[in-house]
Amino acid sequence: MKKIECGQVRNCVVSVPGSKSYTHRSLIAAALADGVCELSNCLDSEDTRLTRRALSSMGIVIEERDGVVVVYGTRGELSACSEPIYLGNSGTSMRLLAGVAAIGKGVYTLTGTERMAMRPAADLLDGLKQL
């Protein structure tokens, strides 16, 4: 297993366009960070809402204030989750959150639609097993 040391970036502002890809990644980065992150211009879509709900299931507190998403990062310390985490048909959520779940406590069950169950995941899971 490789340990990734937390950096010392503090009090910075990053402005990005409202993109589904950026929103997924910024939510996850903020969740794994140490401290509070305020994200503006997040895209509100079914897939990004699924990512937010999944992170909440893993113990991340996420609030919305005046169009700004506030994420209380846990420095990668995630809560165990006894219930399956439903990700619909969001392949991006599934791929990114599988990596997040790999660093969490306990067992996480990521699930989705029937179509999601047909998508290939063996390479991703093999890679995560090597960590």
N, C-alpha and C. Protein backbone atom coordinates (compact mmCIF):
# COMPACT_ATOMS: atom_id res chain seq x y z
N MET A 1 0.84 -1.17 0.00
CA MET A 1 0.00 0.00 0.00
C MET A 1 0.89 1.24 0.00
N LYS A 2 0.48 2.23 -0.74
CA LYS A 2 1.22 3.49 -0.79
C LYS A 2 0.49 4.53 0.03
N LYS A 3 1.24 5.19 0.91
CA LYS A 3 0.65 6.26 1.72
C LYS A 3 0.86 7.58 0.99
N ILE A 4 -0.19 8.33 0.89
CA ILE A 4 -0.13 9.64 0.24
C ILE A 4 -0.20 10.70 1.33
N GLU A 5 0.84 11.47 1.46
CA GLU A 5 0.90 12.51 2.48
C GLU A 5 0.04 13.70 2.05
N CYS A 6 -0.65 14.27 3.01
CA CYS A 6 -1.46 15.46 2.74
C CYS A 6 -0.56 16.66 2.56
N GLY A 7 -0.87 17.48 1.60
CA GLY A 7 -0.10 18.70 1.34
C GLY A 7 -0.48 19.81 2.30
N GLN A 8 0.10 20.93 2.10
CA GLN A 8 -0.13 22.07 2.98
C GLN A 8 -0.84 23.22 2.25
N VAL A 9 -1.62 22.93 1.25
CA VAL A 9 -2.34 23.99 0.53
C VAL A 9 -3.45 24.50 1.44
N ARG A 10 -3.49 25.80 1.63
CA ARG A 10 -4.49 26.41 2.49
C ARG A 10 -5.03 27.67 1.83
N ASN A 11 -6.29 27.94 2.07
CA ASN A 11 -6.90 29.20 1.66
C ASN A 11 -6.67 29.56 0.19
N CYS A 12 -6.99 28.65 -0.69
CA CYS A 12 -6.86 28.97 -2.11
C CYS A 12 -8.25 28.96 -2.74
N VAL A 13 -8.38 29.65 -3.84
CA VAL A 13 -9.64 29.72 -4.57
C VAL A 13 -9.37 29.20 -5.98
N VAL A 14 -10.18 28.24 -6.39
CA VAL A 14 -10.07 27.70 -7.74
C VAL A 14 -11.42 27.88 -8.40
N SER A 15 -11.45 28.47 -9.56
CA SER A 15 -12.69 28.69 -10.29
C SER A 15 -12.67 27.87 -11.57
N VAL A 16 -13.65 26.99 -11.70
CA VAL A 16 -13.73 26.14 -12.89
C VAL A 16 -15.15 26.20 -13.44
N PRO A 17 -15.33 25.89 -14.71
CA PRO A 17 -16.68 25.88 -15.28
C PRO A 17 -17.51 24.75 -14.68
N GLY A 18 -18.84 24.91 -14.72
CA GLY A 18 -19.74 23.90 -14.21
C GLY A 18 -19.77 22.67 -15.10
N SER A 19 -18.90 21.74 -14.83
CA SER A 19 -18.76 20.53 -15.64
C SER A 19 -19.06 19.31 -14.77
N LYS A 20 -19.71 18.31 -15.36
CA LYS A 20 -19.99 17.09 -14.60
C LYS A 20 -18.70 16.43 -14.15
N SER A 21 -17.74 16.32 -15.03
CA SER A 21 -16.46 15.69 -14.71
C SER A 21 -15.75 16.44 -13.58
N TYR A 22 -15.66 17.76 -13.71
CA TYR A 22 -14.99 18.56 -12.67
C TYR A 22 -15.75 18.48 -11.35
N THR A 23 -17.07 18.47 -11.42
CA THR A 23 -17.87 18.44 -10.19
C THR A 23 -17.64 17.14 -9.43
N HIS A 24 -17.69 16.00 -10.12
CA HIS A 24 -17.40 14.71 -9.45
C HIS A 24 -16.05 14.78 -8.75
N ARG A 25 -15.04 15.20 -9.49
CA ARG A 25 -13.67 15.17 -8.98
C ARG A 25 -13.45 16.18 -7.86
N SER A 26 -14.06 17.35 -7.98
CA SER A 26 -13.87 18.35 -6.92
C SER A 26 -14.60 17.94 -5.64
N LEU A 27 -15.77 17.33 -5.76
CA LEU A 27 -16.47 16.83 -4.57
C LEU A 27 -15.62 15.78 -3.84
N ILE A 28 -15.04 14.87 -4.60
CA ILE A 28 -14.23 13.81 -4.00
C ILE A 28 -12.94 14.37 -3.41
N ALA A 29 -12.28 15.26 -4.13
CA ALA A 29 -11.05 15.86 -3.60
C ALA A 29 -11.35 16.63 -2.31
N ALA A 30 -12.45 17.37 -2.29
CA ALA A 30 -12.82 18.13 -1.09
C ALA A 30 -13.15 17.19 0.07
N ALA A 31 -13.82 16.08 -0.23
CA ALA A 31 -14.17 15.11 0.81
C ALA A 31 -12.93 14.48 1.44
N LEU A 32 -11.90 14.28 0.65
CA LEU A 32 -10.68 13.65 1.16
C LEU A 32 -9.70 14.65 1.76
N ALA A 33 -9.98 15.94 1.58
CA ALA A 33 -9.10 16.99 2.09
C ALA A 33 -9.24 17.12 3.61
N ASP A 34 -8.36 17.91 4.18
CA ASP A 34 -8.39 18.20 5.61
C ASP A 34 -8.98 19.60 5.78
N GLY A 35 -10.23 19.67 6.19
CA GLY A 35 -10.85 20.97 6.40
C GLY A 35 -12.06 21.20 5.52
N VAL A 36 -12.50 22.44 5.50
CA VAL A 36 -13.73 22.82 4.78
C VAL A 36 -13.38 23.37 3.41
N CYS A 37 -14.08 22.89 2.39
CA CYS A 37 -13.91 23.39 1.02
C CYS A 37 -15.24 23.96 0.55
N GLU A 38 -15.18 25.11 -0.08
CA GLU A 38 -16.37 25.71 -0.69
C GLU A 38 -16.22 25.61 -2.20
N LEU A 39 -17.19 24.97 -2.83
CA LEU A 39 -17.15 24.73 -4.27
C LEU A 39 -18.27 25.52 -4.94
N SER A 40 -17.90 26.39 -5.88
CA SER A 40 -18.93 27.10 -6.63
C SER A 40 -18.94 26.62 -8.07
N ASN A 41 -19.98 26.92 -8.77
CA ASN A 41 -20.18 26.50 -10.17
C ASN A 41 -20.28 24.99 -10.33
N CYS A 42 -20.67 24.27 -9.28
CA CYS A 42 -20.85 22.82 -9.41
C CYS A 42 -22.05 22.55 -10.31
N LEU A 43 -21.91 21.57 -11.17
CA LEU A 43 -23.02 21.17 -12.02
C LEU A 43 -23.99 20.32 -11.20
N ASP A 44 -25.24 20.68 -11.22
CA ASP A 44 -26.27 19.90 -10.53
C ASP A 44 -26.92 18.97 -11.55
N SER A 45 -26.55 17.70 -11.49
CA SER A 45 -27.12 16.70 -12.40
C SER A 45 -27.41 15.44 -11.60
N GLU A 46 -28.13 14.51 -12.20
CA GLU A 46 -28.43 13.26 -11.51
C GLU A 46 -27.14 12.57 -11.07
N ASP A 47 -26.15 12.50 -11.95
CA ASP A 47 -24.90 11.82 -11.62
C ASP A 47 -24.15 12.50 -10.48
N THR A 48 -24.08 13.84 -10.49
CA THR A 48 -23.35 14.52 -9.42
C THR A 48 -24.11 14.44 -8.10
N ARG A 49 -25.44 14.40 -8.16
CA ARG A 49 -26.22 14.20 -6.92
C ARG A 49 -25.96 12.81 -6.35
N LEU A 50 -25.80 11.81 -7.22
CA LEU A 50 -25.48 10.45 -6.75
C LEU A 50 -24.11 10.43 -6.07
N THR A 51 -23.14 11.15 -6.62
CA THR A 51 -21.82 11.22 -5.99
C THR A 51 -21.93 11.90 -4.63
N ARG A 52 -22.69 12.97 -4.55
CA ARG A 52 -22.87 13.66 -3.26
C ARG A 52 -23.51 12.74 -2.23
N ARG A 53 -24.56 12.02 -2.63
CA ARG A 53 -25.23 11.11 -1.69
C ARG A 53 -24.29 9.99 -1.25
N ALA A 54 -23.50 9.48 -2.19
CA ALA A 54 -22.55 8.41 -1.85
C ALA A 54 -21.53 8.90 -0.83
N LEU A 55 -20.98 10.08 -1.06
CA LEU A 55 -20.01 10.64 -0.12
C LEU A 55 -20.65 10.85 1.25
N SER A 56 -21.89 11.30 1.27
CA SER A 56 -22.61 11.46 2.54
C SER A 56 -22.75 10.12 3.25
N SER A 57 -23.02 9.06 2.49
CA SER A 57 -23.12 7.72 3.06
C SER A 57 -21.80 7.26 3.67
N MET A 58 -20.70 7.81 3.17
CA MET A 58 -19.37 7.47 3.68
C MET A 58 -18.94 8.40 4.82
N GLY A 59 -19.87 9.22 5.30
CA GLY A 59 -19.60 10.06 6.46
C GLY A 59 -19.17 11.47 6.16
N ILE A 60 -19.22 11.88 4.91
CA ILE A 60 -18.82 13.24 4.54
C ILE A 60 -20.02 14.17 4.69
N VAL A 61 -19.83 15.27 5.39
CA VAL A 61 -20.89 16.26 5.54
C VAL A 61 -20.81 17.23 4.37
N ILE A 62 -21.92 17.35 3.64
CA ILE A 62 -22.00 18.24 2.49
C ILE A 62 -23.24 19.10 2.65
N GLU A 63 -23.05 20.40 2.55
CA GLU A 63 -24.16 21.35 2.66
C GLU A 63 -24.17 22.24 1.42
N GLU A 64 -25.30 22.88 1.20
CA GLU A 64 -25.36 23.86 0.12
C GLU A 64 -25.86 25.17 0.70
N ARG A 65 -25.09 26.24 0.44
CA ARG A 65 -25.45 27.58 0.95
C ARG A 65 -25.34 28.58 -0.19
N ASP A 66 -26.45 29.17 -0.55
CA ASP A 66 -26.46 30.22 -1.58
C ASP A 66 -25.75 29.78 -2.86
N GLY A 67 -26.01 28.56 -3.30
CA GLY A 67 -25.42 28.06 -4.54
C GLY A 67 -23.99 27.57 -4.41
N VAL A 68 -23.44 27.61 -3.20
CA VAL A 68 -22.07 27.13 -2.97
C VAL A 68 -22.17 25.80 -2.22
N VAL A 69 -21.47 24.79 -2.71
CA VAL A 69 -21.45 23.49 -2.05
C VAL A 69 -20.30 23.51 -1.05
N VAL A 70 -20.63 23.24 0.21
CA VAL A 70 -19.65 23.25 1.29
C VAL A 70 -19.39 21.80 1.70
N VAL A 71 -18.14 21.38 1.59
CA VAL A 71 -17.76 20.00 1.89
C VAL A 71 -16.80 20.01 3.08
N TYR A 72 -17.13 19.24 4.10
CA TYR A 72 -16.29 19.13 5.29
C TYR A 72 -15.40 17.89 5.12
N GLY A 73 -14.19 18.12 4.69
CA GLY A 73 -13.27 17.03 4.42
C GLY A 73 -12.86 16.29 5.69
N THR A 74 -12.58 15.01 5.53
CA THR A 74 -12.25 14.16 6.67
C THR A 74 -10.83 13.62 6.61
N ARG A 75 -10.02 14.21 5.75
CA ARG A 75 -8.63 13.79 5.58
C ARG A 75 -8.53 12.30 5.21
N GLY A 76 -9.51 11.84 4.47
CA GLY A 76 -9.51 10.47 3.99
C GLY A 76 -10.03 9.46 4.99
N GLU A 77 -10.51 9.92 6.13
CA GLU A 77 -11.06 9.01 7.14
C GLU A 77 -12.56 8.89 6.90
N LEU A 78 -12.96 7.79 6.31
CA LEU A 78 -14.35 7.59 5.92
C LEU A 78 -15.05 6.67 6.90
N SER A 79 -16.34 6.89 7.08
CA SER A 79 -17.14 6.04 7.96
C SER A 79 -17.54 4.76 7.24
N ALA A 80 -17.71 3.70 8.02
CA ALA A 80 -18.23 2.46 7.47
C ALA A 80 -19.69 2.69 7.06
N CYS A 81 -20.14 1.94 6.09
CA CYS A 81 -21.50 2.10 5.58
C CYS A 81 -22.12 0.72 5.42
N SER A 82 -23.14 0.43 6.21
CA SER A 82 -23.73 -0.91 6.17
C SER A 82 -24.73 -1.09 5.03
N GLU A 83 -25.25 0.00 4.51
CA GLU A 83 -26.23 -0.07 3.42
C GLU A 83 -25.54 0.04 2.07
N PRO A 84 -26.08 -0.60 1.03
CA PRO A 84 -25.52 -0.43 -0.32
C PRO A 84 -25.59 1.03 -0.75
N ILE A 85 -24.59 1.47 -1.49
CA ILE A 85 -24.53 2.83 -2.01
C ILE A 85 -24.95 2.78 -3.47
N TYR A 86 -26.10 3.37 -3.78
CA TYR A 86 -26.68 3.31 -5.12
C TYR A 86 -26.11 4.42 -5.99
N LEU A 87 -25.55 4.04 -7.14
CA LEU A 87 -24.93 5.00 -8.06
C LEU A 87 -25.62 5.07 -9.41
N GLY A 88 -26.84 4.53 -9.49
CA GLY A 88 -27.60 4.62 -10.73
C GLY A 88 -26.83 4.06 -11.90
N ASN A 89 -26.76 4.85 -12.98
CA ASN A 89 -26.01 4.45 -14.17
C ASN A 89 -24.80 5.37 -14.36
N SER A 90 -24.31 5.94 -13.27
CA SER A 90 -23.19 6.87 -13.34
C SER A 90 -21.86 6.12 -13.29
N GLY A 91 -21.32 5.87 -14.46
CA GLY A 91 -20.04 5.17 -14.56
C GLY A 91 -18.91 5.95 -13.91
N THR A 92 -18.93 7.28 -14.04
CA THR A 92 -17.89 8.10 -13.41
C THR A 92 -17.96 7.97 -11.89
N SER A 93 -19.17 8.03 -11.34
CA SER A 93 -19.32 7.86 -9.89
C SER A 93 -18.78 6.50 -9.46
N MET A 94 -19.14 5.46 -10.20
CA MET A 94 -18.71 4.11 -9.84
C MET A 94 -17.19 3.99 -9.86
N ARG A 95 -16.56 4.45 -10.93
CA ARG A 95 -15.10 4.31 -11.05
C ARG A 95 -14.37 5.12 -9.99
N LEU A 96 -14.77 6.37 -9.81
CA LEU A 96 -14.07 7.22 -8.84
C LEU A 96 -14.34 6.78 -7.40
N LEU A 97 -15.58 6.44 -7.10
CA LEU A 97 -15.91 6.08 -5.72
C LEU A 97 -15.42 4.69 -5.34
N ALA A 98 -15.17 3.83 -6.31
CA ALA A 98 -14.54 2.54 -6.00
C ALA A 98 -13.16 2.78 -5.40
N GLY A 99 -12.44 3.74 -5.97
CA GLY A 99 -11.13 4.10 -5.42
C GLY A 99 -11.24 4.72 -4.04
N VAL A 100 -12.24 5.55 -3.84
CA VAL A 100 -12.46 6.16 -2.52
C VAL A 100 -12.81 5.08 -1.50
N ALA A 101 -13.69 4.16 -1.88
CA ALA A 101 -14.09 3.08 -0.97
C ALA A 101 -12.90 2.21 -0.57
N ALA A 102 -11.93 2.10 -1.46
CA ALA A 102 -10.76 1.26 -1.18
C ALA A 102 -9.95 1.78 0.00
N ILE A 103 -10.06 3.07 0.32
CA ILE A 103 -9.31 3.60 1.46
C ILE A 103 -10.17 3.71 2.72
N GLY A 104 -11.45 3.37 2.61
CA GLY A 104 -12.37 3.51 3.74
C GLY A 104 -12.28 2.36 4.72
N LYS A 105 -13.06 2.50 5.79
CA LYS A 105 -13.13 1.46 6.82
C LYS A 105 -14.23 0.47 6.45
N GLY A 106 -13.97 -0.79 6.64
CA GLY A 106 -15.01 -1.78 6.44
C GLY A 106 -15.25 -2.11 4.98
N VAL A 107 -16.42 -2.65 4.73
CA VAL A 107 -16.81 -3.09 3.40
C VAL A 107 -17.87 -2.14 2.86
N TYR A 108 -17.70 -1.72 1.62
CA TYR A 108 -18.69 -0.87 0.95
C TYR A 108 -19.27 -1.65 -0.21
N THR A 109 -20.57 -1.55 -0.39
CA THR A 109 -21.24 -2.17 -1.53
C THR A 109 -21.72 -1.06 -2.45
N LEU A 110 -21.07 -0.94 -3.61
CA LEU A 110 -21.48 0.04 -4.61
C LEU A 110 -22.37 -0.67 -5.60
N THR A 111 -23.55 -0.14 -5.82
CA THR A 111 -24.51 -0.78 -6.70
C THR A 111 -25.10 0.26 -7.65
N GLY A 112 -25.83 -0.22 -8.64
CA GLY A 112 -26.44 0.69 -9.60
C GLY A 112 -27.54 -0.01 -10.37
N THR A 113 -27.84 0.52 -11.54
CA THR A 113 -28.88 -0.04 -12.39
C THR A 113 -28.41 -1.38 -12.97
N GLU A 114 -29.34 -2.09 -13.60
CA GLU A 114 -28.98 -3.34 -14.27
C GLU A 114 -27.93 -3.08 -15.35
N ARG A 115 -28.06 -1.98 -16.04
CA ARG A 115 -27.09 -1.62 -17.08
C ARG A 115 -25.70 -1.41 -16.48
N MET A 116 -25.65 -0.80 -15.31
CA MET A 116 -24.37 -0.59 -14.64
C MET A 116 -23.71 -1.93 -14.33
N ALA A 117 -24.51 -2.90 -13.92
CA ALA A 117 -23.97 -4.22 -13.58
C ALA A 117 -23.35 -4.91 -14.79
N MET A 118 -23.73 -4.50 -16.00
CA MET A 118 -23.16 -5.11 -17.21
C MET A 118 -21.86 -4.46 -17.65
N ARG A 119 -21.53 -3.31 -17.09
CA ARG A 119 -20.30 -2.61 -17.50
C ARG A 119 -19.07 -3.35 -16.98
N PRO A 120 -18.01 -3.36 -17.76
CA PRO A 120 -16.79 -4.04 -17.29
C PRO A 120 -16.15 -3.30 -16.12
N ALA A 121 -15.75 -4.05 -15.10
CA ALA A 121 -15.10 -3.44 -13.93
C ALA A 121 -13.90 -4.25 -13.46
N ALA A 122 -13.61 -5.36 -14.12
CA ALA A 122 -12.54 -6.25 -13.66
C ALA A 122 -11.19 -5.54 -13.60
N ASP A 123 -10.84 -4.77 -14.62
CA ASP A 123 -9.54 -4.08 -14.62
C ASP A 123 -9.43 -3.10 -13.46
N LEU A 124 -10.50 -2.36 -13.21
CA LEU A 124 -10.50 -1.42 -12.10
C LEU A 124 -10.31 -2.15 -10.77
N LEU A 125 -11.08 -3.21 -10.57
CA LEU A 125 -10.99 -3.95 -9.31
C LEU A 125 -9.64 -4.62 -9.14
N ASP A 126 -9.08 -5.14 -10.22
CA ASP A 126 -7.74 -5.73 -10.15
C ASP A 126 -6.71 -4.68 -9.74
N GLY A 127 -6.82 -3.50 -10.30
CA GLY A 127 -5.90 -2.42 -9.94
C GLY A 127 -6.02 -2.02 -8.48
N LEU A 128 -7.25 -1.94 -7.99
CA LEU A 128 -7.46 -1.55 -6.59
C LEU A 128 -6.94 -2.62 -5.63
N LYS A 129 -7.02 -3.87 -6.02
CA LYS A 129 -6.51 -4.96 -5.17
C LYS A 129 -4.99 -4.87 -5.01
N GLN A 130 -4.32 -4.25 -5.95
CA GLN A 130 -2.87 -4.15 -5.91
C GLN A 130 -2.38 -3.03 -4.99
N LEU A 131 -3.28 -2.16 -4.54
CA LEU A 131 -2.87 -1.05 -3.67
C LEU A 131 -2.44 -1.55 -2.31
